[in-house]
């Protein structure tokens, strides 16, 4: 396991920004408990899930994925070591997206559980996600979740 001290011993020439994962479909698992927070600018409350990719779909470009997983020094990071953040804002007009995500995690939207209960029990649940690339204001490209879907039975 890499420690903070190990990371800080790196020389600037050895440090590189992680590359965004290739676009396409990934079979993922919710890893741990989601983080609750609020946006910096508007102070909108959100829930952020950490997703761990387990497999790729046929629409993921294998060479683009290999490039994204290859570090500056030529070593490769296993796909399972990557994480994807999936954020849902909690407002009356946006909460339907969280509800849809819970359904895609396999929860029945029958009123027997609250969204709060579903979120609290989401660790380990599986979902399909589709990643897209988006550009920040500074020109940096990052991968974000464009959509989610149920894992076929």
N, C-alpha and C. Protein backbone atom coordinates (compact mmCIF):
# COMPACT_ATOMS: atom_id res chain seq x y z
N UNK A 1 0.84 -1.18 0.00
CA UNK A 1 0.00 0.00 0.00
C UNK A 1 0.89 1.25 0.00
N UNK A 2 0.55 2.19 -0.84
CA UNK A 2 1.31 3.43 -0.94
C UNK A 2 0.93 4.36 0.20
N UNK A 3 1.95 4.91 0.85
CA UNK A 3 1.71 5.83 1.96
C UNK A 3 1.85 7.27 1.47
N UNK A 4 1.42 8.22 2.28
CA UNK A 4 1.58 9.63 1.97
C UNK A 4 3.06 9.96 1.81
N UNK A 5 3.89 9.39 2.66
CA UNK A 5 5.32 9.63 2.58
C UNK A 5 5.89 9.14 1.24
N UNK A 6 5.42 7.97 0.77
CA UNK A 6 5.87 7.45 -0.52
C UNK A 6 5.50 8.41 -1.65
N UNK A 7 4.29 8.92 -1.60
CA UNK A 7 3.81 9.82 -2.65
C UNK A 7 4.64 11.10 -2.66
N UNK A 8 4.91 11.65 -1.48
CA UNK A 8 5.64 12.92 -1.39
C UNK A 8 7.12 12.78 -1.74
N UNK A 9 7.65 11.56 -1.78
CA UNK A 9 9.05 11.35 -2.17
C UNK A 9 9.24 11.45 -3.68
N UNK A 10 8.15 11.48 -4.44
CA UNK A 10 8.24 11.54 -5.90
C UNK A 10 8.86 12.85 -6.35
N UNK A 11 9.62 12.78 -7.42
CA UNK A 11 10.19 13.98 -8.03
C UNK A 11 9.14 14.54 -9.00
N UNK A 12 9.14 15.85 -9.20
CA UNK A 12 8.16 16.45 -10.11
C UNK A 12 8.13 15.81 -11.50
N UNK A 13 9.26 15.31 -11.96
CA UNK A 13 9.31 14.66 -13.28
C UNK A 13 8.60 13.31 -13.27
N UNK A 14 8.35 12.77 -12.08
CA UNK A 14 7.69 11.46 -11.96
C UNK A 14 6.18 11.59 -11.76
N UNK A 15 5.69 12.81 -11.57
CA UNK A 15 4.29 13.03 -11.27
C UNK A 15 3.54 13.34 -12.56
N UNK A 16 2.39 12.72 -12.74
CA UNK A 16 1.59 13.03 -13.92
C UNK A 16 0.11 13.02 -13.54
N UNK A 17 -0.65 13.82 -14.24
CA UNK A 17 -2.10 13.87 -14.03
C UNK A 17 -2.70 12.57 -14.57
N UNK A 18 -3.58 11.94 -13.80
CA UNK A 18 -4.24 10.74 -14.31
C UNK A 18 -5.04 11.06 -15.57
N UNK A 19 -4.99 10.15 -16.53
CA UNK A 19 -5.73 10.33 -17.77
C UNK A 19 -7.16 9.85 -17.57
N UNK A 20 -8.11 10.50 -18.24
CA UNK A 20 -9.50 10.04 -18.09
C UNK A 20 -9.70 8.68 -18.75
N UNK A 21 -10.52 7.86 -18.13
CA UNK A 21 -10.85 6.57 -18.73
C UNK A 21 -11.50 6.78 -20.08
N UNK A 22 -11.39 5.81 -20.95
CA UNK A 22 -11.99 5.88 -22.29
C UNK A 22 -13.51 5.96 -22.18
N UNK A 23 -14.11 6.60 -23.16
CA UNK A 23 -15.57 6.68 -23.19
C UNK A 23 -16.16 5.30 -23.45
N UNK A 24 -17.41 5.13 -23.03
CA UNK A 24 -18.12 3.88 -23.27
C UNK A 24 -18.74 3.33 -22.00
N UNK A 25 -19.15 2.08 -22.05
CA UNK A 25 -19.89 1.44 -20.97
C UNK A 25 -18.97 0.64 -20.06
N UNK A 26 -19.19 0.81 -18.76
CA UNK A 26 -18.44 0.08 -17.74
C UNK A 26 -19.41 -0.58 -16.77
N UNK A 27 -19.12 -1.80 -16.39
CA UNK A 27 -19.86 -2.51 -15.34
C UNK A 27 -19.15 -2.16 -14.04
N UNK A 28 -19.86 -1.49 -13.13
CA UNK A 28 -19.25 -0.98 -11.91
C UNK A 28 -19.96 -1.46 -10.66
N UNK A 29 -19.27 -1.30 -9.54
CA UNK A 29 -19.82 -1.60 -8.22
C UNK A 29 -19.65 -0.36 -7.34
N UNK A 30 -20.68 -0.06 -6.55
CA UNK A 30 -20.57 1.04 -5.60
C UNK A 30 -19.55 0.63 -4.54
N UNK A 31 -18.58 1.50 -4.30
CA UNK A 31 -17.50 1.20 -3.37
C UNK A 31 -17.64 2.10 -2.14
N UNK A 32 -17.99 1.52 -1.02
CA UNK A 32 -18.08 2.27 0.23
C UNK A 32 -19.35 3.08 0.35
N UNK A 33 -19.36 3.91 1.36
CA UNK A 33 -20.52 4.77 1.60
C UNK A 33 -20.39 6.05 0.78
N UNK A 34 -21.50 6.55 0.24
CA UNK A 34 -21.43 7.79 -0.53
C UNK A 34 -21.10 8.98 0.36
N UNK A 35 -20.52 10.00 -0.27
CA UNK A 35 -20.15 11.22 0.43
C UNK A 35 -21.28 12.24 0.27
N UNK A 36 -21.61 12.90 1.35
CA UNK A 36 -22.60 13.98 1.34
C UNK A 36 -21.83 15.29 1.41
N UNK A 37 -22.23 16.27 0.60
CA UNK A 37 -21.54 17.55 0.61
C UNK A 37 -22.40 18.62 -0.03
N UNK A 38 -21.76 19.74 -0.35
CA UNK A 38 -22.46 20.80 -1.05
C UNK A 38 -21.52 21.43 -2.06
N UNK A 39 -22.10 21.91 -3.16
CA UNK A 39 -21.29 22.50 -4.22
C UNK A 39 -20.62 23.77 -3.74
N UNK A 40 -19.48 24.07 -4.32
CA UNK A 40 -18.70 25.22 -3.91
C UNK A 40 -19.39 26.54 -4.24
N UNK A 41 -19.89 26.65 -5.47
CA UNK A 41 -20.45 27.92 -5.92
C UNK A 41 -21.84 28.20 -5.36
N UNK A 42 -22.77 27.29 -5.60
CA UNK A 42 -24.17 27.55 -5.23
C UNK A 42 -24.59 26.93 -3.90
N UNK A 43 -23.69 26.16 -3.29
CA UNK A 43 -23.97 25.50 -2.01
C UNK A 43 -25.13 24.50 -2.12
N UNK A 44 -25.29 23.90 -3.29
CA UNK A 44 -26.33 22.90 -3.51
C UNK A 44 -25.91 21.58 -2.87
N UNK A 45 -26.77 20.96 -2.05
CA UNK A 45 -26.40 19.68 -1.45
C UNK A 45 -26.28 18.59 -2.52
N UNK A 46 -25.34 17.66 -2.30
CA UNK A 46 -25.18 16.55 -3.24
C UNK A 46 -24.82 15.28 -2.49
N UNK A 47 -24.98 14.17 -3.20
CA UNK A 47 -24.51 12.86 -2.75
C UNK A 47 -23.60 12.35 -3.86
N UNK A 48 -22.39 11.93 -3.49
CA UNK A 48 -21.43 11.44 -4.48
C UNK A 48 -21.07 9.99 -4.17
N UNK A 49 -21.24 9.15 -5.18
CA UNK A 49 -20.93 7.73 -5.08
C UNK A 49 -19.59 7.47 -5.74
N UNK A 50 -18.80 6.58 -5.15
CA UNK A 50 -17.56 6.13 -5.75
C UNK A 50 -17.86 4.78 -6.40
N UNK A 51 -17.60 4.70 -7.70
CA UNK A 51 -17.85 3.48 -8.45
C UNK A 51 -16.53 2.85 -8.86
N UNK A 52 -16.45 1.55 -8.68
CA UNK A 52 -15.25 0.81 -9.05
C UNK A 52 -15.55 0.00 -10.31
N UNK A 53 -14.86 0.28 -11.41
CA UNK A 53 -15.11 -0.48 -12.63
C UNK A 53 -14.64 -1.93 -12.47
N UNK A 54 -15.48 -2.85 -12.96
CA UNK A 54 -15.16 -4.27 -12.88
C UNK A 54 -14.93 -4.87 -14.27
N UNK A 55 -15.58 -4.31 -15.28
CA UNK A 55 -15.46 -4.81 -16.65
C UNK A 55 -15.84 -3.69 -17.61
N UNK A 56 -15.45 -3.87 -18.87
CA UNK A 56 -15.77 -2.87 -19.89
C UNK A 56 -16.77 -3.45 -20.88
N UNK A 57 -17.51 -2.55 -21.51
CA UNK A 57 -18.45 -2.95 -22.55
C UNK A 57 -17.77 -3.00 -23.90
N UNK A 58 -18.49 -3.53 -24.89
CA UNK A 58 -17.97 -3.65 -26.25
C UNK A 58 -17.70 -2.29 -26.90
N UNK A 59 -18.33 -1.22 -26.38
CA UNK A 59 -18.17 0.10 -26.98
C UNK A 59 -16.97 0.88 -26.43
N UNK A 60 -16.19 0.29 -25.55
CA UNK A 60 -14.99 0.95 -25.02
C UNK A 60 -13.81 0.63 -25.93
N UNK A 61 -13.16 1.66 -26.43
CA UNK A 61 -11.99 1.49 -27.31
C UNK A 61 -10.83 0.95 -26.47
N UNK A 62 -10.42 -0.28 -26.76
CA UNK A 62 -9.40 -0.96 -25.96
C UNK A 62 -8.08 -0.20 -25.97
N UNK A 63 -7.67 0.34 -27.10
CA UNK A 63 -6.39 1.06 -27.14
C UNK A 63 -6.47 2.38 -26.36
N UNK A 64 -7.62 3.06 -26.41
CA UNK A 64 -7.80 4.30 -25.63
C UNK A 64 -7.79 3.98 -24.14
N UNK A 65 -8.39 2.86 -23.76
CA UNK A 65 -8.39 2.45 -22.35
C UNK A 65 -6.97 2.12 -21.89
N UNK A 66 -6.23 1.37 -22.70
CA UNK A 66 -4.85 1.03 -22.34
C UNK A 66 -4.01 2.30 -22.18
N UNK A 67 -4.22 3.28 -23.06
CA UNK A 67 -3.49 4.54 -22.95
C UNK A 67 -3.85 5.26 -21.64
N UNK A 68 -5.12 5.24 -21.27
CA UNK A 68 -5.57 5.89 -20.04
C UNK A 68 -5.01 5.21 -18.80
N UNK A 69 -4.78 3.92 -18.88
CA UNK A 69 -4.30 3.17 -17.73
C UNK A 69 -2.77 3.12 -17.64
N UNK A 70 -2.07 3.64 -18.66
CA UNK A 70 -0.61 3.61 -18.68
C UNK A 70 -0.06 4.91 -18.10
N UNK A 71 0.81 4.74 -17.11
CA UNK A 71 1.44 5.89 -16.44
C UNK A 71 2.62 6.40 -17.26
N UNK A 72 3.14 7.55 -16.85
CA UNK A 72 4.27 8.18 -17.52
C UNK A 72 5.48 7.25 -17.57
N UNK A 73 5.67 6.45 -16.50
CA UNK A 73 6.83 5.56 -16.44
C UNK A 73 6.64 4.25 -17.20
N UNK A 74 5.46 4.09 -17.86
CA UNK A 74 5.21 2.89 -18.66
C UNK A 74 4.48 1.79 -17.93
N UNK A 75 4.34 1.89 -16.61
CA UNK A 75 3.59 0.87 -15.88
C UNK A 75 2.09 1.08 -16.10
N UNK A 76 1.34 0.01 -15.91
CA UNK A 76 -0.10 0.05 -16.14
C UNK A 76 -0.86 -0.13 -14.84
N UNK A 77 -1.88 0.69 -14.65
CA UNK A 77 -2.76 0.59 -13.49
C UNK A 77 -3.89 -0.38 -13.84
N UNK A 78 -4.18 -1.36 -13.00
CA UNK A 78 -5.32 -2.24 -13.28
C UNK A 78 -6.62 -1.45 -13.28
N UNK A 79 -7.55 -1.81 -14.15
CA UNK A 79 -8.83 -1.12 -14.23
C UNK A 79 -9.52 -1.11 -12.87
N UNK A 80 -9.46 -2.21 -12.13
CA UNK A 80 -10.13 -2.31 -10.83
C UNK A 80 -9.55 -1.33 -9.79
N UNK A 81 -8.36 -0.77 -10.05
CA UNK A 81 -7.77 0.21 -9.13
C UNK A 81 -8.27 1.63 -9.39
N UNK A 82 -8.98 1.83 -10.48
CA UNK A 82 -9.52 3.14 -10.82
C UNK A 82 -10.87 3.33 -10.12
N UNK A 83 -11.27 4.56 -9.94
CA UNK A 83 -12.60 4.85 -9.41
C UNK A 83 -13.23 5.95 -10.26
N UNK A 84 -14.55 5.95 -10.24
CA UNK A 84 -15.33 6.93 -10.99
C UNK A 84 -16.29 7.57 -10.00
N UNK A 85 -16.33 8.87 -9.97
CA UNK A 85 -17.24 9.58 -9.06
C UNK A 85 -18.52 9.91 -9.80
N UNK A 86 -19.64 9.64 -9.14
CA UNK A 86 -20.96 9.86 -9.72
C UNK A 86 -21.77 10.69 -8.74
N UNK A 87 -22.07 11.94 -9.12
CA UNK A 87 -22.66 12.92 -8.21
C UNK A 87 -24.12 13.20 -8.56
N UNK A 88 -24.94 13.29 -7.51
CA UNK A 88 -26.36 13.64 -7.66
C UNK A 88 -26.67 14.83 -6.76
N UNK A 89 -27.20 15.89 -7.36
CA UNK A 89 -27.60 17.06 -6.58
C UNK A 89 -28.98 16.82 -5.99
N UNK A 90 -29.16 17.27 -4.77
CA UNK A 90 -30.39 17.01 -4.03
C UNK A 90 -31.22 18.29 -4.00
N UNK A 91 -32.03 18.45 -5.04
CA UNK A 91 -32.98 19.55 -5.14
C UNK A 91 -34.30 18.95 -5.61
N UNK A 92 -35.41 19.64 -5.41
CA UNK A 92 -36.70 19.10 -5.87
C UNK A 92 -36.72 18.78 -7.36
N UNK A 93 -36.03 19.56 -8.19
CA UNK A 93 -36.04 19.33 -9.63
C UNK A 93 -35.03 18.28 -10.10
N UNK A 94 -34.08 17.90 -9.24
CA UNK A 94 -33.03 16.98 -9.66
C UNK A 94 -33.05 15.63 -8.96
N UNK A 95 -33.82 15.48 -7.91
CA UNK A 95 -33.79 14.25 -7.11
C UNK A 95 -34.27 13.03 -7.91
N UNK A 96 -35.02 13.25 -8.98
CA UNK A 96 -35.46 12.13 -9.81
C UNK A 96 -34.27 11.37 -10.39
N UNK A 97 -33.14 12.06 -10.61
CA UNK A 97 -31.94 11.38 -11.14
C UNK A 97 -31.38 10.39 -10.11
N UNK A 98 -31.38 10.79 -8.85
CA UNK A 98 -30.94 9.89 -7.78
C UNK A 98 -31.89 8.70 -7.70
N UNK A 99 -33.18 8.97 -7.79
CA UNK A 99 -34.18 7.89 -7.75
C UNK A 99 -33.94 6.90 -8.90
N UNK A 100 -33.67 7.42 -10.09
CA UNK A 100 -33.40 6.56 -11.24
C UNK A 100 -32.13 5.73 -11.02
N UNK A 101 -31.10 6.35 -10.43
CA UNK A 101 -29.87 5.63 -10.13
C UNK A 101 -30.14 4.49 -9.15
N UNK A 102 -30.96 4.74 -8.13
CA UNK A 102 -31.30 3.69 -7.17
C UNK A 102 -32.02 2.53 -7.87
N UNK A 103 -32.90 2.86 -8.80
CA UNK A 103 -33.58 1.81 -9.57
C UNK A 103 -32.56 1.02 -10.39
N UNK A 104 -31.60 1.71 -10.98
CA UNK A 104 -30.57 1.03 -11.77
C UNK A 104 -29.65 0.19 -10.89
N UNK A 105 -29.56 0.52 -9.61
CA UNK A 105 -28.81 -0.32 -8.66
C UNK A 105 -29.60 -1.54 -8.23
N UNK A 106 -30.85 -1.63 -8.67
CA UNK A 106 -31.65 -2.82 -8.38
C UNK A 106 -32.71 -2.64 -7.31
N UNK A 107 -32.90 -1.43 -6.82
CA UNK A 107 -33.94 -1.19 -5.82
C UNK A 107 -35.30 -1.09 -6.49
N UNK A 108 -36.30 -1.62 -5.83
CA UNK A 108 -37.69 -1.47 -6.29
C UNK A 108 -38.19 -0.11 -5.80
N UNK A 109 -38.76 0.64 -6.70
CA UNK A 109 -39.29 1.95 -6.33
C UNK A 109 -40.77 1.80 -5.97
N UNK A 110 -41.00 0.98 -4.96
CA UNK A 110 -42.38 0.65 -4.57
C UNK A 110 -42.83 1.36 -3.30
N UNK A 111 -42.00 2.25 -2.77
CA UNK A 111 -42.36 3.01 -1.58
C UNK A 111 -42.06 2.31 -0.27
N UNK A 112 -41.50 1.11 -0.32
CA UNK A 112 -41.19 0.40 0.92
C UNK A 112 -39.91 0.91 1.58
N UNK A 113 -39.03 1.52 0.78
CA UNK A 113 -37.79 2.09 1.30
C UNK A 113 -37.71 3.55 0.87
N UNK A 114 -37.13 4.38 1.71
CA UNK A 114 -36.90 5.78 1.34
C UNK A 114 -35.60 5.85 0.52
N UNK A 115 -35.43 6.94 -0.18
CA UNK A 115 -34.17 7.15 -0.90
C UNK A 115 -33.00 7.15 0.08
N UNK A 116 -33.20 7.71 1.25
CA UNK A 116 -32.16 7.75 2.28
C UNK A 116 -31.71 6.32 2.64
N UNK A 117 -32.67 5.41 2.80
CA UNK A 117 -32.33 4.02 3.13
C UNK A 117 -31.58 3.35 1.99
N UNK A 118 -32.05 3.59 0.76
CA UNK A 118 -31.39 3.00 -0.40
C UNK A 118 -29.95 3.47 -0.51
N UNK A 119 -29.74 4.78 -0.37
CA UNK A 119 -28.40 5.35 -0.44
C UNK A 119 -27.51 4.72 0.63
N UNK A 120 -28.02 4.59 1.84
CA UNK A 120 -27.23 4.05 2.96
C UNK A 120 -26.84 2.59 2.73
N UNK A 121 -27.64 1.86 1.96
CA UNK A 121 -27.38 0.43 1.72
C UNK A 121 -26.82 0.14 0.33
N UNK A 122 -26.34 1.16 -0.37
CA UNK A 122 -25.92 1.00 -1.76
C UNK A 122 -24.54 0.36 -1.94
N UNK A 123 -23.72 0.34 -0.90
CA UNK A 123 -22.38 -0.25 -1.01
C UNK A 123 -22.46 -1.67 -1.55
N UNK A 124 -21.66 -1.95 -2.59
CA UNK A 124 -21.60 -3.28 -3.16
C UNK A 124 -22.59 -3.53 -4.29
N UNK A 125 -23.54 -2.64 -4.49
CA UNK A 125 -24.51 -2.80 -5.58
C UNK A 125 -23.82 -2.53 -6.91
N UNK A 126 -24.34 -3.17 -7.97
CA UNK A 126 -23.73 -3.06 -9.29
C UNK A 126 -24.62 -2.28 -10.25
N UNK A 127 -23.97 -1.62 -11.21
CA UNK A 127 -24.66 -0.78 -12.19
C UNK A 127 -23.82 -0.68 -13.45
N UNK A 128 -24.46 -0.44 -14.57
CA UNK A 128 -23.76 -0.11 -15.80
C UNK A 128 -23.73 1.40 -15.93
N UNK A 129 -22.59 1.94 -16.31
CA UNK A 129 -22.50 3.38 -16.54
C UNK A 129 -21.93 3.62 -17.93
N UNK A 130 -22.27 4.75 -18.50
CA UNK A 130 -21.66 5.18 -19.75
C UNK A 130 -20.88 6.44 -19.46
N UNK A 131 -19.58 6.40 -19.77
CA UNK A 131 -18.71 7.55 -19.56
C UNK A 131 -18.63 8.39 -20.83
N UNK A 132 -18.58 9.70 -20.65
CA UNK A 132 -18.33 10.64 -21.74
C UNK A 132 -17.19 11.54 -21.32
N UNK A 133 -16.57 12.20 -22.28
CA UNK A 133 -15.51 13.16 -21.97
C UNK A 133 -16.07 14.57 -22.03
N UNK A 134 -15.66 15.39 -21.05
CA UNK A 134 -16.09 16.78 -20.94
C UNK A 134 -14.85 17.63 -20.73
N UNK A 135 -14.90 18.87 -21.21
CA UNK A 135 -13.76 19.78 -21.05
C UNK A 135 -14.07 20.81 -19.96
N UNK A 136 -13.13 20.97 -19.02
CA UNK A 136 -13.20 22.01 -18.00
C UNK A 136 -12.97 23.38 -18.61
N UNK A 137 -13.22 24.41 -17.82
CA UNK A 137 -12.96 25.78 -18.25
C UNK A 137 -11.49 26.00 -18.61
N UNK A 138 -10.60 25.24 -17.96
CA UNK A 138 -9.17 25.41 -18.22
C UNK A 138 -8.66 24.54 -19.38
N UNK A 139 -9.58 23.84 -20.05
CA UNK A 139 -9.19 23.02 -21.20
C UNK A 139 -8.86 21.58 -20.85
N UNK A 140 -8.89 21.22 -19.58
CA UNK A 140 -8.61 19.86 -19.15
C UNK A 140 -9.81 18.96 -19.49
N UNK A 141 -9.51 17.79 -20.02
CA UNK A 141 -10.56 16.83 -20.35
C UNK A 141 -10.70 15.85 -19.18
N UNK A 142 -11.93 15.58 -18.79
CA UNK A 142 -12.18 14.59 -17.75
C UNK A 142 -13.35 13.70 -18.16
N UNK A 143 -13.42 12.53 -17.55
CA UNK A 143 -14.51 11.60 -17.82
C UNK A 143 -15.60 11.80 -16.79
N UNK A 144 -16.84 11.78 -17.24
CA UNK A 144 -17.97 11.88 -16.31
C UNK A 144 -19.05 10.90 -16.73
N UNK A 145 -19.89 10.54 -15.77
CA UNK A 145 -20.98 9.60 -16.03
C UNK A 145 -22.06 10.33 -16.82
N UNK A 146 -22.33 9.81 -18.03
CA UNK A 146 -23.37 10.39 -18.88
C UNK A 146 -24.72 9.75 -18.60
N UNK A 147 -24.70 8.44 -18.28
CA UNK A 147 -25.95 7.73 -17.99
C UNK A 147 -25.65 6.45 -17.23
N UNK A 148 -26.70 5.90 -16.64
CA UNK A 148 -26.59 4.64 -15.93
C UNK A 148 -27.69 3.70 -16.41
N UNK A 149 -27.52 2.41 -16.14
CA UNK A 149 -28.52 1.41 -16.52
C UNK A 149 -28.39 0.21 -15.60
N UNK A 150 -29.44 -0.58 -15.53
CA UNK A 150 -29.42 -1.80 -14.74
C UNK A 150 -28.47 -2.81 -15.37
N UNK A 151 -27.84 -3.61 -14.54
CA UNK A 151 -27.05 -4.74 -15.02
C UNK A 151 -28.05 -5.83 -15.41
N UNK A 152 -27.98 -6.33 -16.64
CA UNK A 152 -28.92 -7.38 -17.04
C UNK A 152 -28.83 -8.61 -16.13
N UNK A 153 -29.96 -9.19 -15.86
CA UNK A 153 -30.00 -10.37 -14.97
C UNK A 153 -29.44 -11.59 -15.65
